[in-house]
């Protein structure tokens, strides 16, 4: 997932790509992506 965080893709783009790659529901992927991004932001690894 981190490879998709290139500053050009939106969260929606990342969710869509992962949902297709893993054949998983987008709503489940979105929750996981947002949780991970929030955790990285809280630790200062990314800016939101």
PDB file of N, CA and C in Angstrom:
ATOM      1  N   UNK A   1       0.805  -1.176   0.000  1.00  0.00           N
ATOM      2  CA  UNK A   1       0.000   0.000   0.000  1.00  0.00           C
ATOM      3  C   UNK A   1       0.859   1.256   0.000  1.00  0.00           C
ATOM      4  N   UNK A   2       1.954   1.227   0.692  1.00  0.00           N
ATOM      5  CA  UNK A   2       2.783   2.427   0.774  1.00  0.00           C
ATOM      6  C   UNK A   2       3.317   2.855  -0.589  1.00  0.00           C
ATOM      7  N   UNK A   3       3.525   1.909  -1.479  1.00  0.00           N
ATOM      8  CA  UNK A   3       3.987   2.258  -2.828  1.00  0.00           C
ATOM      9  C   UNK A   3       2.946   3.095  -3.566  1.00  0.00           C
ATOM     10  N   UNK A   4       1.687   2.938  -3.191  1.00  0.00           N
ATOM     11  CA  UNK A   4       0.618   3.696  -3.837  1.00  0.00           C
ATOM     12  C   UNK A   4       0.516   5.114  -3.290  1.00  0.00           C
ATOM     13  N   UNK A   5       1.124   5.381  -2.159  1.00  0.00           N
ATOM     14  CA  UNK A   5       1.101   6.713  -1.536  1.00  0.00           C
ATOM     15  C   UNK A   5       2.202   7.565  -2.145  1.00  0.00           C
ATOM     16  N   UNK A   6       1.929   8.075  -3.325  1.00  0.00           N
ATOM     17  CA  UNK A   6       2.951   8.802  -4.068  1.00  0.00           C
ATOM     18  C   UNK A   6       2.698  10.307  -4.131  1.00  0.00           C
ATOM     19  N   UNK A   7       1.673  10.769  -3.417  1.00  0.00           N
ATOM     20  CA  UNK A   7       1.346  12.183  -3.446  1.00  0.00           C
ATOM     21  C   UNK A   7       0.472  12.581  -4.615  1.00  0.00           C
ATOM     22  N   UNK A   8       0.243  11.673  -5.533  1.00  0.00           N
ATOM     23  CA  UNK A   8      -0.590  11.951  -6.697  1.00  0.00           C
ATOM     24  C   UNK A   8      -1.943  11.252  -6.578  1.00  0.00           C
ATOM     25  N   UNK A   9      -1.944  10.072  -5.975  1.00  0.00           N
ATOM     26  CA  UNK A   9      -3.180   9.295  -5.848  1.00  0.00           C
ATOM     27  C   UNK A   9      -3.989   9.787  -4.647  1.00  0.00           C
ATOM     28  N   UNK A  10      -5.302   9.753  -4.824  1.00  0.00           N
ATOM     29  CA  UNK A  10      -6.191  10.055  -3.712  1.00  0.00           C
ATOM     30  C   UNK A  10      -6.399   8.787  -2.893  1.00  0.00           C
ATOM     31  N   UNK A  11      -7.006   8.960  -1.721  1.00  0.00           N
ATOM     32  CA  UNK A  11      -7.352   7.789  -0.911  1.00  0.00           C
ATOM     33  C   UNK A  11      -8.268   6.877  -1.720  1.00  0.00           C
ATOM     34  N   UNK A  12      -9.201   7.475  -2.440  1.00  0.00           N
ATOM     35  CA  UNK A  12     -10.109   6.688  -3.281  1.00  0.00           C
ATOM     36  C   UNK A  12      -9.375   5.877  -4.329  1.00  0.00           C
ATOM     37  N   UNK A  13      -8.361   6.461  -4.943  1.00  0.00           N
ATOM     38  CA  UNK A  13      -7.552   5.746  -5.937  1.00  0.00           C
ATOM     39  C   UNK A  13      -6.847   4.548  -5.299  1.00  0.00           C
ATOM     40  N   UNK A  14      -6.309   4.769  -4.109  1.00  0.00           N
ATOM     41  CA  UNK A  14      -5.587   3.705  -3.402  1.00  0.00           C
ATOM     42  C   UNK A  14      -6.549   2.585  -3.031  1.00  0.00           C
ATOM     43  N   UNK A  15      -7.708   2.967  -2.519  1.00  0.00           N
ATOM     44  CA  UNK A  15      -8.721   1.971  -2.141  1.00  0.00           C
ATOM     45  C   UNK A  15      -9.132   1.162  -3.364  1.00  0.00           C
ATOM     46  N   UNK A  16      -9.384   1.831  -4.457  1.00  0.00           N
ATOM     47  CA  UNK A  16      -9.812   1.140  -5.680  1.00  0.00           C
ATOM     48  C   UNK A  16      -8.744   0.154  -6.164  1.00  0.00           C
ATOM     49  N   UNK A  17      -7.496   0.591  -6.164  1.00  0.00           N
ATOM     50  CA  UNK A  17      -6.409  -0.282  -6.618  1.00  0.00           C
ATOM     51  C   UNK A  17      -6.266  -1.515  -5.722  1.00  0.00           C
ATOM     52  N   UNK A  18      -6.339  -1.316  -4.424  1.00  0.00           N
ATOM     53  CA  UNK A  18      -6.193  -2.448  -3.498  1.00  0.00           C
ATOM     54  C   UNK A  18      -7.402  -3.376  -3.551  1.00  0.00           C
ATOM     55  N   UNK A  19      -8.588  -2.812  -3.703  1.00  0.00           N
ATOM     56  CA  UNK A  19      -9.791  -3.636  -3.801  1.00  0.00           C
ATOM     57  C   UNK A  19      -9.715  -4.547  -5.027  1.00  0.00           C
ATOM     58  N   UNK A  20      -9.224  -4.006  -6.128  1.00  0.00           N
ATOM     59  CA  UNK A  20      -9.077  -4.820  -7.339  1.00  0.00           C
ATOM     60  C   UNK A  20      -7.993  -5.876  -7.155  1.00  0.00           C
ATOM     61  N   UNK A  21      -6.858  -5.462  -6.584  1.00  0.00           N
ATOM     62  CA  UNK A  21      -5.733  -6.388  -6.425  1.00  0.00           C
ATOM     63  C   UNK A  21      -6.079  -7.561  -5.518  1.00  0.00           C
ATOM     64  N   UNK A  22      -6.826  -7.288  -4.448  1.00  0.00           N
ATOM     65  CA  UNK A  22      -7.108  -8.333  -3.466  1.00  0.00           C
ATOM     66  C   UNK A  22      -8.531  -8.869  -3.543  1.00  0.00           C
ATOM     67  N   UNK A  23      -9.283  -8.446  -4.538  1.00  0.00           N
ATOM     68  CA  UNK A  23     -10.674  -8.879  -4.704  1.00  0.00           C
ATOM     69  C   UNK A  23     -11.441  -8.773  -3.390  1.00  0.00           C
ATOM     70  N   UNK A  24     -11.339  -7.610  -2.775  1.00  0.00           N
ATOM     71  CA  UNK A  24     -11.982  -7.367  -1.492  1.00  0.00           C
ATOM     72  C   UNK A  24     -12.949  -6.195  -1.629  1.00  0.00           C
ATOM     73  N   UNK A  25     -13.947  -6.143  -0.760  1.00  0.00           N
ATOM     74  CA  UNK A  25     -14.894  -5.022  -0.808  1.00  0.00           C
ATOM     75  C   UNK A  25     -14.206  -3.688  -0.511  1.00  0.00           C
ATOM     76  N   UNK A  26     -14.534  -2.683  -1.288  1.00  0.00           N
ATOM     77  CA  UNK A  26     -13.895  -1.381  -1.148  1.00  0.00           C
ATOM     78  C   UNK A  26     -14.140  -0.775   0.236  1.00  0.00           C
ATOM     79  N   UNK A  27     -15.320  -1.002   0.831  1.00  0.00           N
ATOM     80  CA  UNK A  27     -15.587  -0.406   2.137  1.00  0.00           C
ATOM     81  C   UNK A  27     -14.679  -0.978   3.220  1.00  0.00           C
ATOM     82  N   UNK A  28     -14.351  -2.257   3.111  1.00  0.00           N
ATOM     83  CA  UNK A  28     -13.426  -2.881   4.066  1.00  0.00           C
ATOM     84  C   UNK A  28     -12.019  -2.339   3.847  1.00  0.00           C
ATOM     85  N   UNK A  29     -11.613  -2.258   2.589  1.00  0.00           N
ATOM     86  CA  UNK A  29     -10.289  -1.737   2.251  1.00  0.00           C
ATOM     87  C   UNK A  29     -10.164  -0.281   2.708  1.00  0.00           C
ATOM     88  N   UNK A  30     -11.201   0.512   2.487  1.00  0.00           N
ATOM     89  CA  UNK A  30     -11.164   1.928   2.858  1.00  0.00           C
ATOM     90  C   UNK A  30     -10.908   2.089   4.361  1.00  0.00           C
ATOM     91  N   UNK A  31     -11.593   1.310   5.168  1.00  0.00           N
ATOM     92  CA  UNK A  31     -11.398   1.378   6.625  1.00  0.00           C
ATOM     93  C   UNK A  31      -9.956   1.060   6.987  1.00  0.00           C
ATOM     94  N   UNK A  32      -9.422   0.012   6.393  1.00  0.00           N
ATOM     95  CA  UNK A  32      -8.031  -0.384   6.680  1.00  0.00           C
ATOM     96  C   UNK A  32      -7.041   0.678   6.219  1.00  0.00           C
ATOM     97  N   UNK A  33      -7.258   1.225   5.028  1.00  0.00           N
ATOM     98  CA  UNK A  33      -6.367   2.248   4.481  1.00  0.00           C
ATOM     99  C   UNK A  33      -6.386   3.494   5.368  1.00  0.00           C
ATOM    100  N   UNK A  34      -7.577   3.932   5.753  1.00  0.00           N
ATOM    101  CA  UNK A  34      -7.680   5.124   6.592  1.00  0.00           C
ATOM    102  C   UNK A  34      -7.035   4.912   7.960  1.00  0.00           C
ATOM    103  N   UNK A  35      -7.227   3.724   8.532  1.00  0.00           N
ATOM    104  CA  UNK A  35      -6.589   3.415   9.814  1.00  0.00           C
ATOM    105  C   UNK A  35      -5.070   3.465   9.694  1.00  0.00           C
ATOM    106  N   UNK A  36      -4.542   2.871   8.648  1.00  0.00           N
ATOM    107  CA  UNK A  36      -3.095   2.853   8.465  1.00  0.00           C
ATOM    108  C   UNK A  36      -2.557   4.262   8.217  1.00  0.00           C
ATOM    109  N   UNK A  37      -3.219   5.019   7.352  1.00  0.00           N
ATOM    110  CA  UNK A  37      -2.767   6.374   7.061  1.00  0.00           C
ATOM    111  C   UNK A  37      -2.828   7.258   8.306  1.00  0.00           C
ATOM    112  N   UNK A  38      -3.875   7.106   9.102  1.00  0.00           N
ATOM    113  CA  UNK A  38      -3.981   7.900  10.321  1.00  0.00           C
ATOM    114  C   UNK A  38      -2.861   7.549  11.293  1.00  0.00           C
ATOM    115  N   UNK A  39      -2.568   6.270  11.403  1.00  0.00           N
ATOM    116  CA  UNK A  39      -1.467   5.843  12.272  1.00  0.00           C
ATOM    117  C   UNK A  39      -0.127   6.407  11.813  1.00  0.00           C
ATOM    118  N   UNK A  40       0.108   6.405  10.522  1.00  0.00           N
ATOM    119  CA  UNK A  40       1.349   6.965   9.985  1.00  0.00           C
ATOM    120  C   UNK A  40       1.411   8.474  10.195  1.00  0.00           C
ATOM    121  N   UNK A  41       0.286   9.142  10.047  1.00  0.00           N
ATOM    122  CA  UNK A  41       0.235  10.592  10.258  1.00  0.00           C
ATOM    123  C   UNK A  41       0.465  10.917  11.735  1.00  0.00           C
ATOM    124  N   UNK A  42      -0.129  10.144  12.617  1.00  0.00           N
ATOM    125  CA  UNK A  42       0.040  10.374  14.050  1.00  0.00           C
ATOM    126  C   UNK A  42       1.500  10.250  14.478  1.00  0.00           C
ATOM    127  N   UNK A  43       2.229   9.399  13.786  1.00  0.00           N
ATOM    128  CA  UNK A  43       3.646   9.181  14.103  1.00  0.00           C
ATOM    129  C   UNK A  43       4.567  10.121  13.336  1.00  0.00           C
ATOM    130  N   UNK A  44       4.000  10.965  12.481  1.00  0.00           N
ATOM    131  CA  UNK A  44       4.789  11.940  11.753  1.00  0.00           C
ATOM    132  C   UNK A  44       5.446  11.430  10.478  1.00  0.00           C
ATOM    133  N   UNK A  45       5.057  10.244  10.039  1.00  0.00           N
ATOM    134  CA  UNK A  45       5.662   9.690   8.826  1.00  0.00           C
ATOM    135  C   UNK A  45       5.076  10.297   7.545  1.00  0.00           C
ATOM    136  N   UNK A  46       3.814  10.711   7.633  1.00  0.00           N
ATOM    137  CA  UNK A  46       3.164  11.360   6.495  1.00  0.00           C
ATOM    138  C   UNK A  46       2.409  12.576   6.999  1.00  0.00           C
ATOM    139  N   UNK A  47       2.108  13.496   6.077  1.00  0.00           N
ATOM    140  CA  UNK A  47       1.310  14.676   6.410  1.00  0.00           C
ATOM    141  C   UNK A  47      -0.031  14.550   5.733  1.00  0.00           C
ATOM    142  N   UNK A  48      -1.066  14.905   6.450  1.00  0.00           N
ATOM    143  CA  UNK A  48      -2.416  14.785   5.914  1.00  0.00           C
ATOM    144  C   UNK A  48      -2.985  16.050   5.383  1.00  0.00           C
TER     145      UNK A  48
END
